[in-house]
């Protein structure tokens, strides 16, 4: 059994390790983690930029990476505490985005302002326990290459956006989006798809359920 696995299997050691990494009841890592652990654990590609006013709640026990020439803009929050956050090449994470892992963002992705992408859900089923104290669950979110996500969009846990898809501003995406599709609304539904036969974007009433 590995050293890390031993810590995970021992509640006291696990709690001690978490306390050393994160102040109690907070998500932001301690300064020593940010300065001395994360630079050796996480990958930052050539030309990648994380703006000064970005909140990086990034910890060493899950992965974080940002690819070549990608940018995370000011006032965004990136949190890998419950799962990996992986950002590909030449992608743009807009101002005031919130990204909570597990999330994988492909190459040449555009995320506009105030987008919320969270692979995390809080448990609520037991009414005798405050929701804040119930166990969280995660389902990975995948945003494939070349997607464009408009401002004020919410993408919920477990969703996959297919390649070169577009999410209209203000949409709430609760189901998978097919490649080469445009979705809009709450919940988001397919309103257009690209036809490889006609080489046109065509209107459709198909629900985004694939």
Protein backbone atom coordinates (compact mmCIF):
# COMPACT_ATOMS: atom_id res chain seq x y z
CA UNK A 1 0.00 0.00 0.00
CA UNK A 2 1.37 3.42 -0.97
CA UNK A 3 2.01 6.20 1.53
CA UNK A 4 -0.77 8.35 0.05
CA UNK A 5 -3.23 5.46 0.16
CA UNK A 6 -2.32 4.84 3.78
CA UNK A 7 -3.22 8.43 4.61
CA UNK A 8 -6.52 8.16 2.74
CA UNK A 9 -7.43 4.99 4.63
CA UNK A 10 -6.67 6.48 8.06
CA UNK A 11 -9.27 9.13 9.08
CA UNK A 12 -6.96 10.82 11.60
CA UNK A 13 -4.04 11.05 9.19
CA UNK A 14 -6.39 12.20 6.43
CA UNK A 15 -7.80 15.00 8.59
CA UNK A 16 -4.28 16.05 9.60
CA UNK A 17 -3.12 16.11 5.97
CA UNK A 18 -6.14 18.19 4.95
CA UNK A 19 -5.50 20.63 7.81
CA UNK A 20 -1.91 21.06 6.67
CA UNK A 21 -3.07 21.76 3.10
CA UNK A 22 -6.24 23.81 3.69
CA UNK A 23 -7.41 26.01 6.60
CA UNK A 24 -10.49 24.57 8.28
CA UNK A 25 -13.80 25.34 6.53
CA UNK A 26 -12.04 26.90 3.56
CA UNK A 27 -11.32 25.85 -0.01
CA UNK A 28 -8.23 27.95 -0.66
CA UNK A 29 -4.89 26.16 -0.06
CA UNK A 30 -2.37 27.40 2.47
CA UNK A 31 0.33 29.72 1.17
CA UNK A 32 3.09 27.10 1.48
CA UNK A 33 1.10 24.75 -0.74
CA UNK A 34 0.70 27.44 -3.38
CA UNK A 35 4.38 28.40 -3.29
CA UNK A 36 6.20 25.10 -2.77
CA UNK A 37 3.95 22.20 -3.80
CA UNK A 38 1.75 23.28 -6.68
CA UNK A 39 4.53 24.52 -9.00
CA UNK A 40 6.09 21.04 -8.95
CA UNK A 41 2.81 19.12 -9.16
CA UNK A 42 0.83 20.98 -11.82
CA UNK A 43 1.59 21.63 -15.48
CA UNK A 44 1.54 25.05 -17.13
CA UNK A 45 2.19 25.11 -20.85
CA UNK A 46 4.40 27.59 -22.66
CA UNK A 47 2.67 30.94 -23.07
CA UNK A 48 -0.19 30.01 -20.72
CA UNK A 49 -1.47 32.88 -18.57
CA UNK A 50 -3.31 32.85 -15.26
CA UNK A 51 -4.23 36.44 -14.42
CA UNK A 52 -3.17 37.94 -11.12
CA UNK A 53 -6.70 38.30 -9.76
CA UNK A 54 -7.69 34.70 -10.45
CA UNK A 55 -8.52 32.61 -7.38
CA UNK A 56 -6.67 29.32 -7.70
CA UNK A 57 -8.09 26.85 -5.17
CA UNK A 58 -5.70 24.22 -6.48
CA UNK A 59 -4.39 21.39 -4.32
CA UNK A 60 -1.69 18.77 -4.95
CA UNK A 61 -3.81 15.63 -4.42
CA UNK A 62 -5.72 16.22 -7.70
CA UNK A 63 -4.41 17.36 -11.05
CA UNK A 64 -4.46 20.80 -12.61
CA UNK A 65 -3.01 21.64 -16.00
CA UNK A 66 -3.29 24.46 -18.50
CA UNK A 67 -2.03 24.05 -22.03
CA UNK A 68 0.10 26.19 -24.29
CA UNK A 69 -1.20 29.73 -24.97
CA UNK A 70 -4.34 29.30 -22.85
CA UNK A 71 -5.60 32.01 -20.50
CA UNK A 72 -7.62 32.17 -17.28
CA UNK A 73 -8.92 35.72 -16.91
CA UNK A 74 -9.25 37.88 -13.79
CA UNK A 75 -11.79 37.18 -11.04
CA UNK A 76 -12.25 33.55 -12.07
CA UNK A 77 -12.11 30.67 -9.58
CA UNK A 78 -10.52 27.31 -10.37
CA UNK A 79 -11.04 24.51 -7.82
CA UNK A 80 -9.64 20.98 -8.14
CA UNK A 81 -10.42 19.92 -4.58
CA UNK A 82 -12.95 17.26 -5.66
CA UNK A 83 -11.54 16.40 -9.08
CA UNK A 84 -9.01 17.25 -11.77
CA UNK A 85 -9.25 20.48 -13.76
CA UNK A 86 -7.57 20.11 -17.16
CA UNK A 87 -7.48 22.96 -19.69
CA UNK A 88 -6.16 22.32 -23.19
CA UNK A 89 -4.21 24.47 -25.65
CA UNK A 90 -5.26 27.89 -26.97
CA UNK A 91 -8.36 28.06 -24.78
CA UNK A 92 -9.84 31.10 -23.06
CA UNK A 93 -11.49 31.04 -19.64
CA UNK A 94 -13.35 34.34 -19.41
CA UNK A 95 -13.69 36.92 -16.65
CA UNK A 96 -15.42 35.70 -13.46
CA UNK A 97 -15.77 32.07 -14.51
CA UNK A 98 -16.13 29.36 -11.85
CA UNK A 99 -14.64 25.96 -12.69
CA UNK A 100 -14.98 23.17 -10.11
CA UNK A 101 -13.56 19.76 -11.00
CA UNK A 102 -13.71 17.20 -12.29
CA UNK A 103 -13.65 19.22 -15.53
CA UNK A 104 -11.75 18.68 -18.78
CA UNK A 105 -11.67 21.55 -21.29
CA UNK A 106 -10.30 20.88 -24.75
CA UNK A 107 -8.31 22.94 -27.23
CA UNK A 108 -9.46 26.22 -28.79
CA UNK A 109 -12.38 26.54 -26.36
CA UNK A 110 -13.93 29.95 -25.67
CA UNK A 111 -15.67 30.53 -22.34
CA UNK A 112 -17.29 33.98 -22.08
CA UNK A 113 -17.98 35.91 -18.87
CA UNK A 114 -19.61 34.55 -15.68
CA UNK A 115 -19.73 30.91 -16.80
CA UNK A 116 -20.20 28.30 -14.05
CA UNK A 117 -18.93 24.78 -14.73
CA UNK A 118 -19.19 22.44 -11.74
CA UNK A 119 -18.67 18.70 -11.61
CA UNK A 120 -19.67 18.77 -7.93
CA UNK A 121 -23.06 18.21 -6.29
CA UNK A 122 -23.98 18.46 -2.60
CA UNK A 123 -25.91 15.66 -0.96
CA UNK A 124 -29.29 16.69 0.45
CA UNK A 125 -31.26 13.46 0.88
CA UNK A 126 -30.94 13.09 4.68
CA UNK A 127 -33.12 15.80 6.23
CA UNK A 128 -31.60 15.19 9.70
CA UNK A 129 -28.18 16.46 8.54
CA UNK A 130 -27.42 19.95 7.20
CA UNK A 131 -26.75 19.86 3.46
CA UNK A 132 -23.31 21.39 4.08
CA UNK A 133 -22.33 18.31 6.14
CA UNK A 134 -23.61 15.66 3.73
CA UNK A 135 -21.32 13.81 1.35
CA UNK A 136 -20.64 15.42 -2.01
CA UNK A 137 -20.77 13.56 -5.31
CA UNK A 138 -18.94 14.27 -8.56
CA UNK A 139 -19.55 13.61 -12.24
CA UNK A 140 -16.96 14.73 -14.76
CA UNK A 141 -17.74 17.52 -17.22
CA UNK A 142 -16.06 17.39 -20.63
CA UNK A 143 -15.93 20.31 -23.05
CA UNK A 144 -14.52 19.06 -26.34
CA UNK A 145 -12.36 21.06 -28.74
CA UNK A 146 -13.53 24.29 -30.40
CA UNK A 147 -16.62 24.91 -28.25
CA UNK A 148 -17.97 28.40 -27.58
CA UNK A 149 -19.87 28.95 -24.34
CA UNK A 150 -21.71 32.25 -23.99
CA UNK A 151 -21.94 34.56 -20.99
CA UNK A 152 -23.84 33.54 -17.83
CA UNK A 153 -24.08 29.87 -18.80
CA UNK A 154 -24.32 27.10 -16.19
CA UNK A 155 -23.04 23.61 -17.07
CA UNK A 156 -24.05 20.93 -14.59
CA UNK A 157 -22.22 17.80 -13.43
CA UNK A 158 -21.82 14.94 -15.89
CA UNK A 159 -22.40 16.95 -19.08
CA UNK A 160 -20.35 16.56 -22.26
CA UNK A 161 -20.27 19.32 -24.88
CA UNK A 162 -19.48 17.84 -28.28
CA UNK A 163 -16.85 19.27 -30.60
CA UNK A 164 -17.48 22.73 -32.11
CA UNK A 165 -20.74 23.18 -30.22
CA UNK A 166 -22.14 26.54 -29.15
CA UNK A 167 -24.06 27.33 -25.96
CA UNK A 168 -26.15 30.49 -26.12
CA UNK A 169 -25.79 33.10 -23.37
CA UNK A 170 -27.82 32.46 -20.24
CA UNK A 171 -28.41 28.77 -20.91
CA UNK A 172 -28.44 26.01 -18.29
CA UNK A 173 -26.95 22.82 -19.75
CA UNK A 174 -28.17 19.69 -17.96
CA UNK A 175 -27.72 17.09 -20.74
CA UNK A 176 -25.08 16.17 -23.28
CA UNK A 177 -24.77 18.34 -26.37
CA UNK A 178 -24.05 16.66 -29.72
CA UNK A 179 -21.04 17.82 -31.75
CA UNK A 180 -21.63 20.71 -34.19
CA UNK A 181 -24.79 21.83 -32.39
CA UNK A 182 -26.15 25.09 -31.02
CA UNK A 183 -28.13 24.89 -27.77
CA UNK A 184 -30.12 27.53 -25.91
CA UNK A 185 -32.54 27.87 -23.01
CA UNK A 186 -33.18 26.48 -19.54
CA UNK A 187 -32.83 23.57 -19.80
CA UNK A 188 -30.72 23.94 -22.94
CA UNK A 189 -32.07 22.33 -26.12
CA UNK A 190 -30.65 21.93 -29.59
CA UNK A 191 -31.87 24.71 -31.90
CA UNK A 192 -29.43 24.21 -34.78
CA UNK A 193 -27.08 21.52 -36.07
CA UNK A 194 -24.50 21.56 -38.81
CA UNK A 195 -25.35 19.34 -41.77
CA UNK A 196 -22.29 17.82 -43.44
CA UNK A 197 -24.47 17.08 -46.47
CA UNK A 198 -25.72 20.63 -47.11
CA UNK A 199 -22.77 22.30 -45.36
CA UNK A 200 -25.24 24.57 -43.57
CA UNK A 201 -26.36 25.19 -39.98
CA UNK A 202 -29.95 23.98 -39.96
CA UNK A 203 -32.71 24.53 -37.43
CA UNK A 204 -33.92 21.49 -35.50
CA UNK A 205 -36.24 20.63 -32.62
CA UNK A 206 -34.10 17.72 -31.39
CA UNK A 207 -33.57 17.78 -27.61
CA UNK A 208 -29.96 17.78 -26.44
CA UNK A 209 -30.23 14.28 -24.97
CA UNK A 210 -27.58 12.29 -26.81
